[in-house]
Amino acid sequence: MPNTNIKKLRVQLSQIEAFMPHFRAVNTSVSKVSVGWQLDHSLKVINGVFNTMANSNPKHYKRNFNLSRIILFSLNYIPRGNAKSPKIVVPPNTILEKDLEKQLHTAKRLLDGIGTLDEAHHFKHFIFGTLSKKQTLRFLRLHTHHHLKIIGDILK
């Protein structure tokens, strides 16, 4: 039986899919970037993190204390406008619906395989430090929720 984080990520991927027809929408009072940018970024993060975690060596995982992670994970919240995305997850200037669909398909496939990974598979986040599989899934839920909320506000 899939864990709660995996179930919630599946729901979030369905929400991403539902927002795809609105990928061109912009509301500069909410965000400088379009719904498509938010979707593309979210999918790039999900796919990149899944791939990094899958390729990590569980033997190299070490728990680490990280106050930012503890606070934000406890609050279940990522504040807006405080972090700069790494270049690898910044969307291109032109976002195409077919590219979003391809990334969504990849995310669904990767999520299906995530349950087979050891708990010590990990991901190193530039702010939150080294995250276990469970923490990584929690981060992805928080991050995706953050961008889905922005999309919802853009479309209001």
C-alpha atoms as a PDB file:
ATOM      1  CA  MET A   1       0.000   0.000   0.000  1.00  0.00           C
ATOM      2  CA  PRO A   2       1.482   3.382  -1.008  1.00  0.00           C
ATOM      3  CA  ASN A   3       2.362   5.807   1.749  1.00  0.00           C
ATOM      4  CA  THR A   4       0.474   9.044   2.343  1.00  0.00           C
ATOM      5  CA  ASN A   5       3.108  11.230   0.669  1.00  0.00           C
ATOM      6  CA  ILE A   6       2.959   9.127  -2.495  1.00  0.00           C
ATOM      7  CA  LYS A   7      -0.861   9.218  -2.521  1.00  0.00           C
ATOM      8  CA  LYS A   8      -0.854  12.991  -2.071  1.00  0.00           C
ATOM      9  CA  LEU A   9       1.746  13.443  -4.809  1.00  0.00           C
ATOM     10  CA  ARG A  10      -0.509  11.435  -7.156  1.00  0.00           C
ATOM     11  CA  VAL A  11      -3.370  13.825  -6.351  1.00  0.00           C
ATOM     12  CA  GLN A  12      -1.076  16.793  -6.960  1.00  0.00           C
ATOM     13  CA  LEU A  13      -0.026  15.385 -10.336  1.00  0.00           C
ATOM     14  CA  SER A  14      -3.731  15.168 -11.227  1.00  0.00           C
ATOM     15  CA  GLN A  15      -4.116  18.816 -10.206  1.00  0.00           C
ATOM     16  CA  ILE A  16      -1.149  19.755 -12.379  1.00  0.00           C
ATOM     17  CA  GLU A  17      -2.796  17.937 -15.275  1.00  0.00           C
ATOM     18  CA  ALA A  18      -6.073  19.797 -14.672  1.00  0.00           C
ATOM     19  CA  PHE A  19      -4.262  23.161 -14.780  1.00  0.00           C
ATOM     20  CA  MET A  20      -2.457  22.424 -18.070  1.00  0.00           C
ATOM     21  CA  PRO A  21      -5.128  23.943 -20.340  1.00  0.00           C
ATOM     22  CA  HIS A  22      -4.474  27.271 -18.548  1.00  0.00           C
ATOM     23  CA  PHE A  23      -0.700  27.190 -19.031  1.00  0.00           C
ATOM     24  CA  ARG A  24      -0.664  30.553 -20.846  1.00  0.00           C
ATOM     25  CA  ALA A  25      -2.509  32.410 -18.058  1.00  0.00           C
ATOM     26  CA  VAL A  26      -0.700  35.268 -16.323  1.00  0.00           C
ATOM     27  CA  ASN A  27      -1.657  37.524 -13.411  1.00  0.00           C
ATOM     28  CA  THR A  28       1.224  39.872 -12.624  1.00  0.00           C
ATOM     29  CA  SER A  29      -0.376  40.968  -9.346  1.00  0.00           C
ATOM     30  CA  VAL A  30       0.247  37.383  -8.131  1.00  0.00           C
ATOM     31  CA  SER A  31       3.382  36.287 -10.001  1.00  0.00           C
ATOM     32  CA  LYS A  32       5.755  37.591 -12.657  1.00  0.00           C
ATOM     33  CA  VAL A  33       5.508  34.247 -14.439  1.00  0.00           C
ATOM     34  CA  SER A  34       2.730  32.239 -16.088  1.00  0.00           C
ATOM     35  CA  VAL A  35       0.815  29.173 -14.981  1.00  0.00           C
ATOM     36  CA  GLY A  36       2.928  27.265 -17.524  1.00  0.00           C
ATOM     37  CA  TRP A  37       6.119  28.397 -15.791  1.00  0.00           C
ATOM     38  CA  GLN A  38       4.766  27.209 -12.420  1.00  0.00           C
ATOM     39  CA  LEU A  39       3.766  23.841 -13.933  1.00  0.00           C
ATOM     40  CA  ASP A  40       7.033  23.357 -15.806  1.00  0.00           C
ATOM     41  CA  HIS A  41       9.101  24.261 -12.753  1.00  0.00           C
ATOM     42  CA  SER A  42       7.110  21.927 -10.488  1.00  0.00           C
ATOM     43  CA  LEU A  43       7.500  19.026 -12.915  1.00  0.00           C
ATOM     44  CA  LYS A  44      11.216  19.690 -13.430  1.00  0.00           C
ATOM     45  CA  VAL A  45      11.694  19.620  -9.653  1.00  0.00           C
ATOM     46  CA  ILE A  46       9.681  16.410  -9.215  1.00  0.00           C
ATOM     47  CA  ASN A  47      11.466  14.598 -12.049  1.00  0.00           C
ATOM     48  CA  GLY A  48      14.923  15.887 -11.144  1.00  0.00           C
ATOM     49  CA  VAL A  49      14.554  15.033  -7.468  1.00  0.00           C
ATOM     50  CA  PHE A  50      13.160  11.559  -8.223  1.00  0.00           C
ATOM     51  CA  ASN A  51      16.068  10.830 -10.575  1.00  0.00           C
ATOM     52  CA  THR A  52      18.652  12.139  -8.114  1.00  0.00           C
ATOM     53  CA  MET A  53      17.145  10.133  -5.267  1.00  0.00           C
ATOM     54  CA  ALA A  54      16.942   6.960  -7.379  1.00  0.00           C
ATOM     55  CA  ASN A  55      20.618   7.315  -8.313  1.00  0.00           C
ATOM     56  CA  SER A  56      21.780   8.030  -4.763  1.00  0.00           C
ATOM     57  CA  ASN A  57      23.733   5.446  -2.806  1.00  0.00           C
ATOM     58  CA  PRO A  58      21.809   4.540   0.374  1.00  0.00           C
ATOM     59  CA  LYS A  59      25.123   3.684   2.063  1.00  0.00           C
ATOM     60  CA  HIS A  60      26.133   7.353   1.808  1.00  0.00           C
ATOM     61  CA  TYR A  61      23.033   8.710   3.558  1.00  0.00           C
ATOM     62  CA  LYS A  62      23.666  10.542   6.827  1.00  0.00           C
ATOM     63  CA  ARG A  63      20.976  12.232   8.878  1.00  0.00           C
ATOM     64  CA  ASN A  64      21.643  15.891   9.437  1.00  0.00           C
ATOM     65  CA  PHE A  65      20.133  18.632  11.573  1.00  0.00           C
ATOM     66  CA  ASN A  66      18.658  21.498   9.579  1.00  0.00           C
ATOM     67  CA  LEU A  67      16.677  24.193  11.388  1.00  0.00           C
ATOM     68  CA  SER A  68      15.095  25.628   8.208  1.00  0.00           C
ATOM     69  CA  ARG A  69      13.800  22.188   7.279  1.00  0.00           C
ATOM     70  CA  ILE A  70      12.438  21.537  10.765  1.00  0.00           C
ATOM     71  CA  ILE A  71      10.608  24.872  10.867  1.00  0.00           C
ATOM     72  CA  LEU A  72       9.157  24.823   7.348  1.00  0.00           C
ATOM     73  CA  PHE A  73       8.244  21.133   7.412  1.00  0.00           C
ATOM     74  CA  SER A  74       6.538  21.687  10.796  1.00  0.00           C
ATOM     75  CA  LEU A  75       4.627  24.675   9.433  1.00  0.00           C
ATOM     76  CA  ASN A  76       3.808  22.692   6.282  1.00  0.00           C
ATOM     77  CA  TYR A  77       4.571  25.862   4.366  1.00  0.00           C
ATOM     78  CA  ILE A  78       7.072  27.357   1.935  1.00  0.00           C
ATOM     79  CA  PRO A  79       6.972  31.179   1.856  1.00  0.00           C
ATOM     80  CA  ARG A  80       6.666  32.944  -1.481  1.00  0.00           C
ATOM     81  CA  GLY A  81       9.475  34.827  -3.138  1.00  0.00           C
ATOM     82  CA  ASN A  82      12.284  33.915  -0.737  1.00  0.00           C
ATOM     83  CA  ALA A  83      14.324  31.335  -2.662  1.00  0.00           C
ATOM     84  CA  LYS A  84      15.922  31.403  -6.096  1.00  0.00           C
ATOM     85  CA  SER A  85      15.462  28.246  -8.149  1.00  0.00           C
ATOM     86  CA  PRO A  86      18.586  26.414  -9.292  1.00  0.00           C
ATOM     87  CA  LYS A  87      19.135  26.873 -13.045  1.00  0.00           C
ATOM     88  CA  ILE A  88      18.459  23.209 -13.771  1.00  0.00           C
ATOM     89  CA  VAL A  89      14.803  23.597 -12.728  1.00  0.00           C
ATOM     90  CA  VAL A  90      14.160  27.013 -14.290  1.00  0.00           C
ATOM     91  CA  PRO A  91      11.751  26.654 -17.221  1.00  0.00           C
ATOM     92  CA  PRO A  92      12.675  27.795 -20.727  1.00  0.00           C
ATOM     93  CA  ASN A  93      11.404  31.125 -22.055  1.00  0.00           C
ATOM     94  CA  THR A  94       8.895  29.317 -24.266  1.00  0.00           C
ATOM     95  CA  ILE A  95       6.764  26.668 -22.608  1.00  0.00           C
ATOM     96  CA  LEU A  96       4.884  24.226 -24.823  1.00  0.00           C
ATOM     97  CA  GLU A  97       1.901  22.173 -23.702  1.00  0.00           C
ATOM     98  CA  LYS A  98       3.392  19.032 -25.276  1.00  0.00           C
ATOM     99  CA  ASP A  99       6.531  19.486 -23.133  1.00  0.00           C
ATOM    100  CA  LEU A 100       4.384  19.783 -20.005  1.00  0.00           C
ATOM    101  CA  GLU A 101       2.495  16.621 -20.983  1.00  0.00           C
ATOM    102  CA  LYS A 102       5.756  14.732 -21.531  1.00  0.00           C
ATOM    103  CA  GLN A 103       7.128  15.848 -18.152  1.00  0.00           C
ATOM    104  CA  LEU A 104       3.854  14.888 -16.449  1.00  0.00           C
ATOM    105  CA  HIS A 105       4.002  11.421 -17.997  1.00  0.00           C
ATOM    106  CA  THR A 106       7.587  11.053 -16.745  1.00  0.00           C
ATOM    107  CA  ALA A 107       6.609  12.215 -13.242  1.00  0.00           C
ATOM    108  CA  LYS A 108       3.788   9.658 -13.045  1.00  0.00           C
ATOM    109  CA  ARG A 109       6.121   6.871 -14.184  1.00  0.00           C
ATOM    110  CA  LEU A 110       8.832   7.861 -11.707  1.00  0.00           C
ATOM    111  CA  LEU A 111       6.315   8.124  -8.864  1.00  0.00           C
ATOM    112  CA  ASP A 112       5.127   4.594  -9.633  1.00  0.00           C
ATOM    113  CA  GLY A 113       8.667   3.317  -9.037  1.00  0.00           C
ATOM    114  CA  ILE A 114       9.540   5.366  -5.977  1.00  0.00           C
ATOM    115  CA  GLY A 115       8.100   2.821  -3.549  1.00  0.00           C
ATOM    116  CA  THR A 116      10.822   0.334  -4.494  1.00  0.00           C
ATOM    117  CA  LEU A 117      13.600   2.609  -3.223  1.00  0.00           C
ATOM    118  CA  ASP A 118      15.268   2.030   0.123  1.00  0.00           C
ATOM    119  CA  GLU A 119      14.457   4.545   2.893  1.00  0.00           C
ATOM    120  CA  ALA A 120      18.114   5.631   2.834  1.00  0.00           C
ATOM    121  CA  HIS A 121      17.942   6.762  -0.795  1.00  0.00           C
ATOM    122  CA  HIS A 122      18.314  10.490  -0.500  1.00  0.00           C
ATOM    123  CA  PHE A 123      18.401  13.914  -2.094  1.00  0.00           C
ATOM    124  CA  LYS A 124      20.590  16.873  -1.158  1.00  0.00           C
ATOM    125  CA  HIS A 125      18.597  20.112  -1.148  1.00  0.00           C
ATOM    126  CA  PHE A 126      20.416  23.434  -1.353  1.00  0.00           C
ATOM    127  CA  ILE A 127      18.547  24.825   1.687  1.00  0.00           C
ATOM    128  CA  PHE A 128      17.185  21.802   3.582  1.00  0.00           C
ATOM    129  CA  GLY A 129      20.332  19.668   3.406  1.00  0.00           C
ATOM    130  CA  THR A 130      20.331  15.913   2.871  1.00  0.00           C
ATOM    131  CA  LEU A 131      16.805  14.504   2.880  1.00  0.00           C
ATOM    132  CA  SER A 132      15.868  10.854   3.398  1.00  0.00           C
ATOM    133  CA  LYS A 133      13.357   9.273   1.028  1.00  0.00           C
ATOM    134  CA  LYS A 134      10.512  10.117   3.432  1.00  0.00           C
ATOM    135  CA  GLN A 135      11.728  13.709   3.856  1.00  0.00           C
ATOM    136  CA  THR A 136      12.223  14.050   0.104  1.00  0.00           C
ATOM    137  CA  LEU A 137       8.641  12.988  -0.581  1.00  0.00           C
ATOM    138  CA  ARG A 138       7.462  15.453   2.064  1.00  0.00           C
ATOM    139  CA  PHE A 139       9.534  18.228   0.451  1.00  0.00           C
ATOM    140  CA  LEU A 140       8.051  17.430  -2.967  1.00  0.00           C
ATOM    141  CA  ARG A 141       4.528  17.606  -1.533  1.00  0.00           C
ATOM    142  CA  LEU A 142       5.258  20.965   0.118  1.00  0.00           C
ATOM    143  CA  HIS A 143       6.983  22.381  -2.954  1.00  0.00           C
ATOM    144  CA  THR A 144       4.260  21.223  -5.337  1.00  0.00           C
ATOM    145  CA  HIS A 145       1.526  22.519  -3.007  1.00  0.00           C
ATOM    146  CA  HIS A 146       3.325  25.885  -2.894  1.00  0.00           C
ATOM    147  CA  HIS A 147       3.209  26.184  -6.692  1.00  0.00           C
ATOM    148  CA  LEU A 148      -0.357  24.840  -6.991  1.00  0.00           C
ATOM    149  CA  LYS A 149      -1.479  27.584  -4.582  1.00  0.00           C
ATOM    150  CA  ILE A 150       0.247  30.204  -6.731  1.00  0.00           C
ATOM    151  CA  ILE A 151      -1.480  28.781  -9.825  1.00  0.00           C
ATOM    152  CA  GLY A 152      -4.838  28.911  -8.038  1.00  0.00           C
ATOM    153  CA  ASP A 153      -4.226  32.563  -7.162  1.00  0.00           C
ATOM    154  CA  ILE A 154      -3.182  33.385 -10.742  1.00  0.00           C
ATOM    155  CA  LEU A 155      -6.428  31.879 -12.043  1.00  0.00           C
ATOM    156  CA  LYS A 156      -8.743  33.629  -9.519  1.00  0.00           C
END
